[in-house]
Amino acid sequence: MKISFIKRHYIGFASVLTILAAWKILALYFDSSFIVPHPEDTFLTVLKLIGSKDFLQVAGATVMRGIFGFVISALLGIGFGILAGISPGFNAFINPILVTIRSTPVISLILLALIWFSSGMVPVFIAMLTMFPFICTNVVDGIRSVDKGLIEMAGFYNVGRRKIIT
């Protein structure tokens, strides 16, 4: 059964309202802003934070750290992914490392990063470490899924390696 565009948006809106209602019920049940703050209090606090003079600077620094972590993970993931996609031996070497990183809880990585790095580098390290295995694995899968017949045909027509890759 196909759900129409408008109906799908109503369902999404209803799901957001359900989450807000459950949040409000929990806040009323616990009656402690320390355990579960009321949604309206949280919303007002967010508005105050956005209105503060330091918000843009802090938010910008956080975004830059996330971008920096993504760039590092993309460079490493693509590089290691190409190596692992081309070399079965390197793939056998790096695969257990990728599985270990993916299966390690992020909170434990954050705790280790707080010990190892300055507080400014922790988000970069965590962003890099959480994205790297997925990027690397997808590059390996992409390389391995290329049709060998197409590569053979490209060689038959003297297509350069650079053109084959792009």
N, C-alpha and C. Protein backbone atom coordinates (compact mmCIF):
# COMPACT_ATOMS: atom_id res chain seq x y z
N MET A 1 0.84 -1.18 0.00
CA MET A 1 0.00 0.00 0.00
C MET A 1 0.88 1.24 0.00
N LYS A 2 0.60 2.17 -0.90
CA LYS A 2 1.38 3.38 -1.02
C LYS A 2 0.73 4.49 -0.19
N ILE A 3 1.54 5.17 0.61
CA ILE A 3 1.03 6.25 1.45
C ILE A 3 1.26 7.56 0.72
N SER A 4 0.24 8.40 0.63
CA SER A 4 0.36 9.66 -0.09
C SER A 4 1.31 10.61 0.64
N PHE A 5 1.79 11.59 -0.10
CA PHE A 5 2.73 12.58 0.43
C PHE A 5 2.15 13.30 1.64
N ILE A 6 0.92 13.76 1.54
CA ILE A 6 0.30 14.52 2.64
C ILE A 6 0.07 13.62 3.85
N LYS A 7 -0.41 12.40 3.61
CA LYS A 7 -0.67 11.47 4.72
C LYS A 7 0.64 11.13 5.44
N ARG A 8 1.72 10.96 4.67
CA ARG A 8 3.01 10.65 5.27
C ARG A 8 3.46 11.79 6.19
N HIS A 9 3.22 13.04 5.77
CA HIS A 9 3.60 14.17 6.60
C HIS A 9 2.73 14.27 7.85
N TYR A 10 1.45 13.93 7.73
CA TYR A 10 0.58 13.90 8.91
C TYR A 10 1.05 12.85 9.90
N ILE A 11 1.47 11.70 9.39
CA ILE A 11 1.97 10.64 10.26
C ILE A 11 3.25 11.11 10.96
N GLY A 12 4.14 11.76 10.24
CA GLY A 12 5.36 12.29 10.84
C GLY A 12 5.06 13.33 11.90
N PHE A 13 4.11 14.22 11.61
CA PHE A 13 3.72 15.25 12.57
C PHE A 13 3.11 14.61 13.81
N ALA A 14 2.28 13.59 13.61
CA ALA A 14 1.66 12.88 14.74
C ALA A 14 2.72 12.19 15.59
N SER A 15 3.77 11.68 14.96
CA SER A 15 4.82 11.02 15.73
C SER A 15 5.58 12.03 16.60
N VAL A 16 5.83 13.23 16.07
CA VAL A 16 6.49 14.27 16.86
C VAL A 16 5.60 14.67 18.03
N LEU A 17 4.31 14.84 17.78
CA LEU A 17 3.38 15.19 18.86
C LEU A 17 3.32 14.09 19.92
N THR A 18 3.39 12.84 19.50
CA THR A 18 3.38 11.71 20.45
C THR A 18 4.61 11.76 21.35
N ILE A 19 5.76 12.03 20.75
CA ILE A 19 7.00 12.13 21.55
C ILE A 19 6.90 13.28 22.55
N LEU A 20 6.40 14.44 22.09
CA LEU A 20 6.25 15.59 23.00
C LEU A 20 5.25 15.29 24.11
N ALA A 21 4.16 14.61 23.79
CA ALA A 21 3.16 14.26 24.81
C ALA A 21 3.75 13.29 25.82
N ALA A 22 4.49 12.30 25.35
CA ALA A 22 5.13 11.34 26.27
C ALA A 22 6.13 12.05 27.17
N TRP A 23 6.89 12.98 26.59
CA TRP A 23 7.85 13.77 27.36
C TRP A 23 7.14 14.56 28.45
N LYS A 24 6.04 15.22 28.09
CA LYS A 24 5.27 16.02 29.05
C LYS A 24 4.70 15.14 30.17
N ILE A 25 4.18 13.97 29.80
CA ILE A 25 3.63 13.05 30.80
C ILE A 25 4.72 12.59 31.77
N LEU A 26 5.90 12.26 31.23
CA LEU A 26 7.03 11.85 32.09
C LEU A 26 7.46 12.99 33.01
N ALA A 27 7.48 14.22 32.47
CA ALA A 27 7.86 15.37 33.29
C ALA A 27 6.86 15.59 34.42
N LEU A 28 5.58 15.43 34.13
CA LEU A 28 4.56 15.58 35.17
C LEU A 28 4.64 14.44 36.18
N TYR A 29 4.92 13.23 35.72
CA TYR A 29 5.00 12.07 36.60
C TYR A 29 6.16 12.21 37.58
N PHE A 30 7.35 12.54 37.08
CA PHE A 30 8.52 12.64 37.96
C PHE A 30 8.53 13.94 38.76
N ASP A 31 7.91 14.98 38.24
CA ASP A 31 7.80 16.27 38.92
C ASP A 31 9.15 16.77 39.43
N SER A 32 10.17 16.58 38.65
CA SER A 32 11.51 17.07 38.99
C SER A 32 12.20 17.51 37.71
N SER A 33 12.54 18.80 37.64
CA SER A 33 13.20 19.29 36.43
C SER A 33 14.60 18.72 36.29
N PHE A 34 15.13 18.17 37.37
CA PHE A 34 16.46 17.55 37.31
C PHE A 34 16.40 16.21 36.59
N ILE A 35 15.34 15.43 36.83
CA ILE A 35 15.20 14.11 36.21
C ILE A 35 14.65 14.24 34.79
N VAL A 36 13.48 14.84 34.64
CA VAL A 36 12.87 15.06 33.33
C VAL A 36 12.32 16.48 33.31
N PRO A 37 13.01 17.40 32.66
CA PRO A 37 12.49 18.77 32.60
C PRO A 37 11.27 18.85 31.68
N HIS A 38 10.42 19.83 31.92
CA HIS A 38 9.24 20.02 31.09
C HIS A 38 9.67 20.49 29.70
N PRO A 39 8.97 20.07 28.65
CA PRO A 39 9.35 20.46 27.29
C PRO A 39 9.36 21.97 27.09
N GLU A 40 8.38 22.66 27.67
CA GLU A 40 8.34 24.12 27.49
C GLU A 40 9.51 24.81 28.18
N ASP A 41 9.95 24.29 29.34
CA ASP A 41 11.13 24.85 30.00
C ASP A 41 12.38 24.63 29.15
N THR A 42 12.47 23.45 28.56
CA THR A 42 13.61 23.14 27.70
C THR A 42 13.61 24.06 26.48
N PHE A 43 12.45 24.26 25.88
CA PHE A 43 12.34 25.13 24.71
C PHE A 43 12.75 26.56 25.06
N LEU A 44 12.29 27.08 26.20
CA LEU A 44 12.65 28.44 26.61
C LEU A 44 14.15 28.56 26.89
N THR A 45 14.74 27.53 27.48
CA THR A 45 16.18 27.53 27.74
C THR A 45 16.96 27.53 26.44
N VAL A 46 16.50 26.76 25.47
CA VAL A 46 17.17 26.74 24.16
C VAL A 46 17.09 28.12 23.51
N LEU A 47 15.93 28.77 23.60
CA LEU A 47 15.80 30.12 23.05
C LEU A 47 16.75 31.10 23.73
N LYS A 48 16.89 30.99 25.06
CA LYS A 48 17.83 31.85 25.79
C LYS A 48 19.26 31.60 25.33
N LEU A 49 19.61 30.33 25.16
CA LEU A 49 20.97 30.00 24.72
C LEU A 49 21.24 30.53 23.33
N ILE A 50 20.27 30.40 22.43
CA ILE A 50 20.45 30.91 21.07
C ILE A 50 20.61 32.42 21.10
N GLY A 51 19.92 33.08 22.00
CA GLY A 51 20.00 34.53 22.10
C GLY A 51 21.25 35.06 22.78
N SER A 52 22.03 34.19 23.41
CA SER A 52 23.23 34.67 24.11
C SER A 52 24.32 35.05 23.12
N LYS A 53 25.24 35.91 23.56
CA LYS A 53 26.27 36.41 22.66
C LYS A 53 27.31 35.35 22.31
N ASP A 54 27.51 34.37 23.16
CA ASP A 54 28.53 33.35 22.91
C ASP A 54 28.02 32.18 22.07
N PHE A 55 26.71 32.12 21.84
CA PHE A 55 26.14 30.95 21.18
C PHE A 55 26.73 30.71 19.79
N LEU A 56 26.76 31.74 18.95
CA LEU A 56 27.25 31.56 17.59
C LEU A 56 28.71 31.13 17.58
N GLN A 57 29.50 31.70 18.47
CA GLN A 57 30.91 31.33 18.53
C GLN A 57 31.08 29.87 18.94
N VAL A 58 30.37 29.47 19.98
CA VAL A 58 30.48 28.09 20.47
C VAL A 58 29.89 27.11 19.44
N ALA A 59 28.74 27.44 18.88
CA ALA A 59 28.12 26.57 17.87
C ALA A 59 29.00 26.46 16.63
N GLY A 60 29.59 27.58 16.22
CA GLY A 60 30.48 27.56 15.06
C GLY A 60 31.71 26.71 15.30
N ALA A 61 32.29 26.81 16.50
CA ALA A 61 33.46 25.98 16.83
C ALA A 61 33.08 24.50 16.84
N THR A 62 31.91 24.19 17.35
CA THR A 62 31.45 22.80 17.37
C THR A 62 31.25 22.26 15.96
N VAL A 63 30.63 23.06 15.11
CA VAL A 63 30.41 22.65 13.72
C VAL A 63 31.76 22.45 13.02
N MET A 64 32.70 23.35 13.25
CA MET A 64 34.03 23.23 12.62
C MET A 64 34.74 21.97 13.09
N ARG A 65 34.62 21.64 14.36
CA ARG A 65 35.24 20.40 14.87
C ARG A 65 34.61 19.18 14.20
N GLY A 66 33.29 19.20 14.05
CA GLY A 66 32.61 18.09 13.38
C GLY A 66 33.04 17.96 11.92
N ILE A 67 33.15 19.09 11.23
CA ILE A 67 33.59 19.07 9.83
C ILE A 67 35.03 18.56 9.74
N PHE A 68 35.88 19.03 10.64
CA PHE A 68 37.28 18.59 10.66
C PHE A 68 37.36 17.08 10.89
N GLY A 69 36.57 16.57 11.83
CA GLY A 69 36.53 15.12 12.08
C GLY A 69 36.03 14.36 10.87
N PHE A 70 35.03 14.92 10.18
CA PHE A 70 34.52 14.26 8.98
C PHE A 70 35.56 14.23 7.87
N VAL A 71 36.27 15.34 7.67
CA VAL A 71 37.29 15.40 6.63
C VAL A 71 38.39 14.38 6.90
N ILE A 72 38.83 14.31 8.15
CA ILE A 72 39.87 13.33 8.51
C ILE A 72 39.36 11.91 8.27
N SER A 73 38.14 11.62 8.71
CA SER A 73 37.60 10.26 8.53
C SER A 73 37.38 9.96 7.06
N ALA A 74 36.98 10.95 6.26
CA ALA A 74 36.79 10.71 4.83
C ALA A 74 38.12 10.41 4.15
N LEU A 75 39.14 11.20 4.47
CA LEU A 75 40.46 10.96 3.87
C LEU A 75 41.00 9.59 4.26
N LEU A 76 40.95 9.29 5.55
CA LEU A 76 41.45 7.99 6.01
C LEU A 76 40.57 6.84 5.49
N GLY A 77 39.26 7.03 5.55
CA GLY A 77 38.35 5.98 5.11
C GLY A 77 38.48 5.67 3.63
N ILE A 78 38.60 6.72 2.81
CA ILE A 78 38.76 6.50 1.37
C ILE A 78 40.12 5.86 1.09
N GLY A 79 41.17 6.37 1.74
CA GLY A 79 42.51 5.81 1.52
C GLY A 79 42.60 4.35 1.93
N PHE A 80 42.21 4.05 3.16
CA PHE A 80 42.26 2.67 3.63
C PHE A 80 41.26 1.79 2.88
N GLY A 81 40.12 2.37 2.49
CA GLY A 81 39.12 1.61 1.75
C GLY A 81 39.63 1.19 0.38
N ILE A 82 40.35 2.09 -0.29
CA ILE A 82 40.93 1.74 -1.59
C ILE A 82 41.96 0.63 -1.42
N LEU A 83 42.82 0.79 -0.40
CA LEU A 83 43.83 -0.26 -0.15
C LEU A 83 43.16 -1.60 0.15
N ALA A 84 42.15 -1.58 1.00
CA ALA A 84 41.48 -2.83 1.38
C ALA A 84 40.67 -3.41 0.22
N GLY A 85 40.15 -2.54 -0.64
CA GLY A 85 39.39 -3.03 -1.79
C GLY A 85 40.27 -3.67 -2.84
N ILE A 86 41.50 -3.19 -2.94
CA ILE A 86 42.44 -3.71 -3.94
C ILE A 86 43.19 -4.93 -3.40
N SER A 87 43.56 -4.87 -2.11
CA SER A 87 44.40 -5.92 -1.53
C SER A 87 43.60 -6.79 -0.55
N PRO A 88 43.36 -8.05 -0.88
CA PRO A 88 42.65 -8.93 0.06
C PRO A 88 43.40 -9.11 1.38
N GLY A 89 44.73 -9.08 1.32
CA GLY A 89 45.52 -9.21 2.55
C GLY A 89 45.31 -8.04 3.49
N PHE A 90 45.33 -6.82 2.92
CA PHE A 90 45.10 -5.63 3.74
C PHE A 90 43.67 -5.61 4.26
N ASN A 91 42.73 -6.08 3.45
CA ASN A 91 41.34 -6.15 3.90
C ASN A 91 41.20 -7.10 5.09
N ALA A 92 41.89 -8.25 5.02
CA ALA A 92 41.86 -9.20 6.13
C ALA A 92 42.49 -8.60 7.38
N PHE A 93 43.49 -7.73 7.19
CA PHE A 93 44.15 -7.07 8.32
C PHE A 93 43.26 -6.01 8.96
N ILE A 94 42.62 -5.17 8.13
CA ILE A 94 41.89 -4.01 8.67
C ILE A 94 40.46 -4.35 9.09
N ASN A 95 39.87 -5.41 8.55
CA ASN A 95 38.48 -5.73 8.85
C ASN A 95 38.21 -5.94 10.35
N PRO A 96 39.05 -6.69 11.09
CA PRO A 96 38.79 -6.82 12.53
C PRO A 96 38.89 -5.49 13.28
N ILE A 97 39.75 -4.61 12.81
CA ILE A 97 39.88 -3.28 13.43
C ILE A 97 38.59 -2.50 13.22
N LEU A 98 38.06 -2.53 12.00
CA LEU A 98 36.82 -1.82 11.69
C LEU A 98 35.65 -2.37 12.49
N VAL A 99 35.57 -3.69 12.60
CA VAL A 99 34.49 -4.31 13.37
C VAL A 99 34.59 -3.92 14.84
N THR A 100 35.81 -3.89 15.37
CA THR A 100 36.01 -3.51 16.78
C THR A 100 35.59 -2.07 17.02
N ILE A 101 35.99 -1.16 16.14
CA ILE A 101 35.62 0.25 16.30
C ILE A 101 34.11 0.41 16.23
N ARG A 102 33.47 -0.26 15.25
CA ARG A 102 32.01 -0.15 15.11
C ARG A 102 31.26 -0.71 16.30
N SER A 103 31.79 -1.75 16.92
CA SER A 103 31.05 -2.40 18.00
C SER A 103 31.38 -1.83 19.39
N THR A 104 32.34 -0.93 19.48
CA THR A 104 32.69 -0.33 20.76
C THR A 104 31.69 0.79 21.08
N PRO A 105 31.11 0.81 22.26
CA PRO A 105 30.17 1.88 22.62
C PRO A 105 30.85 3.25 22.58
N VAL A 106 30.15 4.22 22.02
CA VAL A 106 30.72 5.56 21.85
C VAL A 106 31.08 6.18 23.19
N ILE A 107 30.30 5.93 24.23
CA ILE A 107 30.57 6.53 25.53
C ILE A 107 31.94 6.11 26.05
N SER A 108 32.33 4.86 25.83
CA SER A 108 33.65 4.42 26.28
C SER A 108 34.75 5.10 25.48
N LEU A 109 34.49 5.34 24.20
CA LEU A 109 35.46 6.06 23.38
C LEU A 109 35.60 7.51 23.84
N ILE A 110 34.48 8.11 24.23
CA ILE A 110 34.52 9.49 24.73
C ILE A 110 35.35 9.56 26.01
N LEU A 111 35.15 8.61 26.91
CA LEU A 111 35.92 8.60 28.16
C LEU A 111 37.41 8.45 27.88
N LEU A 112 37.78 7.56 26.99
CA LEU A 112 39.19 7.41 26.63
C LEU A 112 39.73 8.68 25.97
N ALA A 113 38.94 9.27 25.09
CA ALA A 113 39.37 10.48 24.40
C ALA A 113 39.58 11.63 25.38
N LEU A 114 38.74 11.71 26.42
CA LEU A 114 38.92 12.76 27.43
C LEU A 114 40.24 12.59 28.18
N ILE A 115 40.69 11.35 28.32
CA ILE A 115 41.97 11.09 28.99
C ILE A 115 43.12 11.40 28.04
N TRP A 116 42.99 11.02 26.78
CA TRP A 116 44.09 11.13 25.82
C TRP A 116 44.28 12.53 25.24
N PHE A 117 43.18 13.26 24.98
CA PHE A 117 43.25 14.51 24.23
C PHE A 117 42.76 15.69 25.04
N SER A 118 43.04 16.89 24.52
CA SER A 118 42.47 18.10 25.11
C SER A 118 40.98 18.12 24.79
N SER A 119 40.23 18.90 25.55
CA SER A 119 38.77 18.91 25.38
C SER A 119 38.36 19.38 23.98
N GLY A 120 39.17 20.21 23.34
CA GLY A 120 38.84 20.67 22.00
C GLY A 120 39.01 19.61 20.93
N MET A 121 39.87 18.63 21.19
CA MET A 121 40.12 17.58 20.20
C MET A 121 39.21 16.37 20.36
N VAL A 122 38.53 16.27 21.49
CA VAL A 122 37.66 15.11 21.73
C VAL A 122 36.56 14.99 20.67
N PRO A 123 35.82 16.07 20.34
CA PRO A 123 34.79 15.93 19.30
C PRO A 123 35.36 15.54 17.94
N VAL A 124 36.55 16.05 17.62
CA VAL A 124 37.19 15.70 16.35
C VAL A 124 37.50 14.21 16.32
N PHE A 125 38.08 13.72 17.41
CA PHE A 125 38.45 12.30 17.49
C PHE A 125 37.21 11.41 17.42
N ILE A 126 36.18 11.76 18.17
CA ILE A 126 34.96 10.95 18.20
C ILE A 126 34.27 10.97 16.83
N ALA A 127 34.19 12.15 16.21
CA ALA A 127 33.58 12.23 14.87
C ALA A 127 34.36 11.38 13.88
N MET A 128 35.69 11.47 13.94
CA MET A 128 36.53 10.70 13.04
C MET A 128 36.36 9.20 13.28
N LEU A 129 36.39 8.82 14.54
CA LEU A 129 36.34 7.39 14.87
C LEU A 129 34.98 6.76 14.59
N THR A 130 33.91 7.52 14.71
CA THR A 130 32.59 6.95 14.45
C THR A 130 32.28 6.88 12.95
N MET A 131 32.83 7.78 12.15
CA MET A 131 32.53 7.78 10.72
C MET A 131 33.51 6.94 9.90
N PHE A 132 34.76 6.84 10.35
CA PHE A 132 35.80 6.15 9.59
C PHE A 132 35.43 4.72 9.18
N PRO A 133 34.96 3.86 10.10
CA PRO A 133 34.68 2.48 9.68
C PRO A 133 33.60 2.38 8.60
N PHE A 134 32.59 3.24 8.68
CA PHE A 134 31.51 3.18 7.70
C PHE A 134 31.98 3.66 6.33
N ILE A 135 32.77 4.73 6.31
CA ILE A 135 33.30 5.23 5.04
C ILE A 135 34.22 4.18 4.42
N CYS A 136 35.11 3.64 5.22
CA CYS A 136 36.06 2.63 4.73
C CYS A 136 35.33 1.41 4.18
N THR A 137 34.37 0.90 4.92
CA THR A 137 33.61 -0.28 4.50
C THR A 137 32.84 -0.01 3.21
N ASN A 138 32.25 1.16 3.09
CA ASN A 138 31.50 1.49 1.87
C ASN A 138 32.41 1.62 0.66
N VAL A 139 33.62 2.16 0.85
CA VAL A 139 34.57 2.24 -0.26
C VAL A 139 34.98 0.84 -0.69
N VAL A 140 35.28 -0.02 0.28
CA VAL A 140 35.64 -1.41 -0.04
C VAL A 140 34.51 -2.09 -0.81
N ASP A 141 33.28 -1.95 -0.33
CA ASP A 141 32.13 -2.56 -1.01
C ASP A 141 31.95 -1.99 -2.41
N GLY A 142 32.17 -0.68 -2.55
CA GLY A 142 32.05 -0.05 -3.86
C GLY A 142 33.08 -0.58 -4.84
N ILE A 143 34.31 -0.73 -4.39
CA ILE A 143 35.36 -1.26 -5.26
C ILE A 143 35.07 -2.71 -5.64
N ARG A 144 34.63 -3.48 -4.68
CA ARG A 144 34.37 -4.91 -4.94
C ARG A 144 33.12 -5.13 -5.80
N SER A 145 32.22 -4.17 -5.85
CA SER A 145 30.98 -4.36 -6.61
C SER A 145 31.10 -3.93 -8.07
N VAL A 146 32.27 -3.41 -8.46
CA VAL A 146 32.46 -3.00 -9.85
C VAL A 146 32.45 -4.24 -10.74
N ASP A 147 31.70 -4.17 -11.82
CA ASP A 147 31.60 -5.28 -12.76
C ASP A 147 32.94 -5.49 -13.45
N LYS A 148 33.51 -6.68 -13.29
CA LYS A 148 34.82 -7.00 -13.88
C LYS A 148 34.76 -6.95 -15.40
N GLY A 149 33.61 -7.28 -15.96
CA GLY A 149 33.46 -7.23 -17.41
C GLY A 149 33.61 -5.82 -17.96
N LEU A 150 33.11 -4.83 -17.20
CA LEU A 150 33.25 -3.44 -17.63
C LEU A 150 34.71 -3.00 -17.59
N ILE A 151 35.44 -3.43 -16.58
CA ILE A 151 36.86 -3.09 -16.50
C ILE A 151 37.61 -3.74 -17.66
N GLU A 152 37.27 -4.98 -17.96
CA GLU A 152 37.91 -5.69 -19.08
C GLU A 152 37.59 -4.99 -20.40
N MET A 153 36.35 -4.55 -20.57
CA MET A 153 35.97 -3.85 -21.78
C MET A 153 36.71 -2.51 -21.90
N ALA A 154 36.87 -1.81 -20.78
CA ALA A 154 37.60 -0.55 -20.80
C ALA A 154 39.04 -0.77 -21.22
N GLY A 155 39.63 -1.87 -20.76
CA GLY A 155 40.99 -2.20 -21.19
C GLY A 155 41.05 -2.51 -22.67
N PHE A 156 40.03 -3.17 -23.19
CA PHE A 156 39.97 -3.50 -24.62
C PHE A 156 39.94 -2.24 -25.48
N TYR A 157 39.25 -1.20 -24.99
CA TYR A 157 39.15 0.06 -25.73
C TYR A 157 40.23 1.07 -25.32
N ASN A 158 41.26 0.60 -24.62
CA ASN A 158 42.40 1.43 -24.21
C ASN A 158 41.99 2.66 -23.39
N VAL A 159 41.03 2.49 -22.52
CA VAL A 159 40.62 3.56 -21.61
C VAL A 159 41.64 3.61 -20.47
N GLY A 160 42.12 4.80 -20.15
CA GLY A 160 43.13 4.96 -19.10
C GLY A 160 42.56 4.64 -17.72
N ARG A 161 43.48 4.32 -16.79
CA ARG A 161 43.06 3.96 -15.43
C ARG A 161 42.31 5.10 -14.75
N ARG A 162 42.79 6.33 -14.99
CA ARG A 162 42.14 7.48 -14.36
C ARG A 162 40.70 7.62 -14.85
N LYS A 163 40.48 7.42 -16.12
CA LYS A 163 39.13 7.51 -16.68
C LYS A 163 38.25 6.38 -16.16
N ILE A 164 38.83 5.20 -15.95
CA ILE A 164 38.06 4.07 -15.42
C ILE A 164 37.58 4.38 -14.01
N ILE A 165 38.45 4.97 -13.20
CA ILE A 165 38.11 5.27 -11.80
C ILE A 165 37.03 6.33 -11.73
N THR A 166 37.12 7.34 -12.58
CA THR A 166 36.14 8.42 -12.52
C THR A 166 34.92 8.05 -13.33
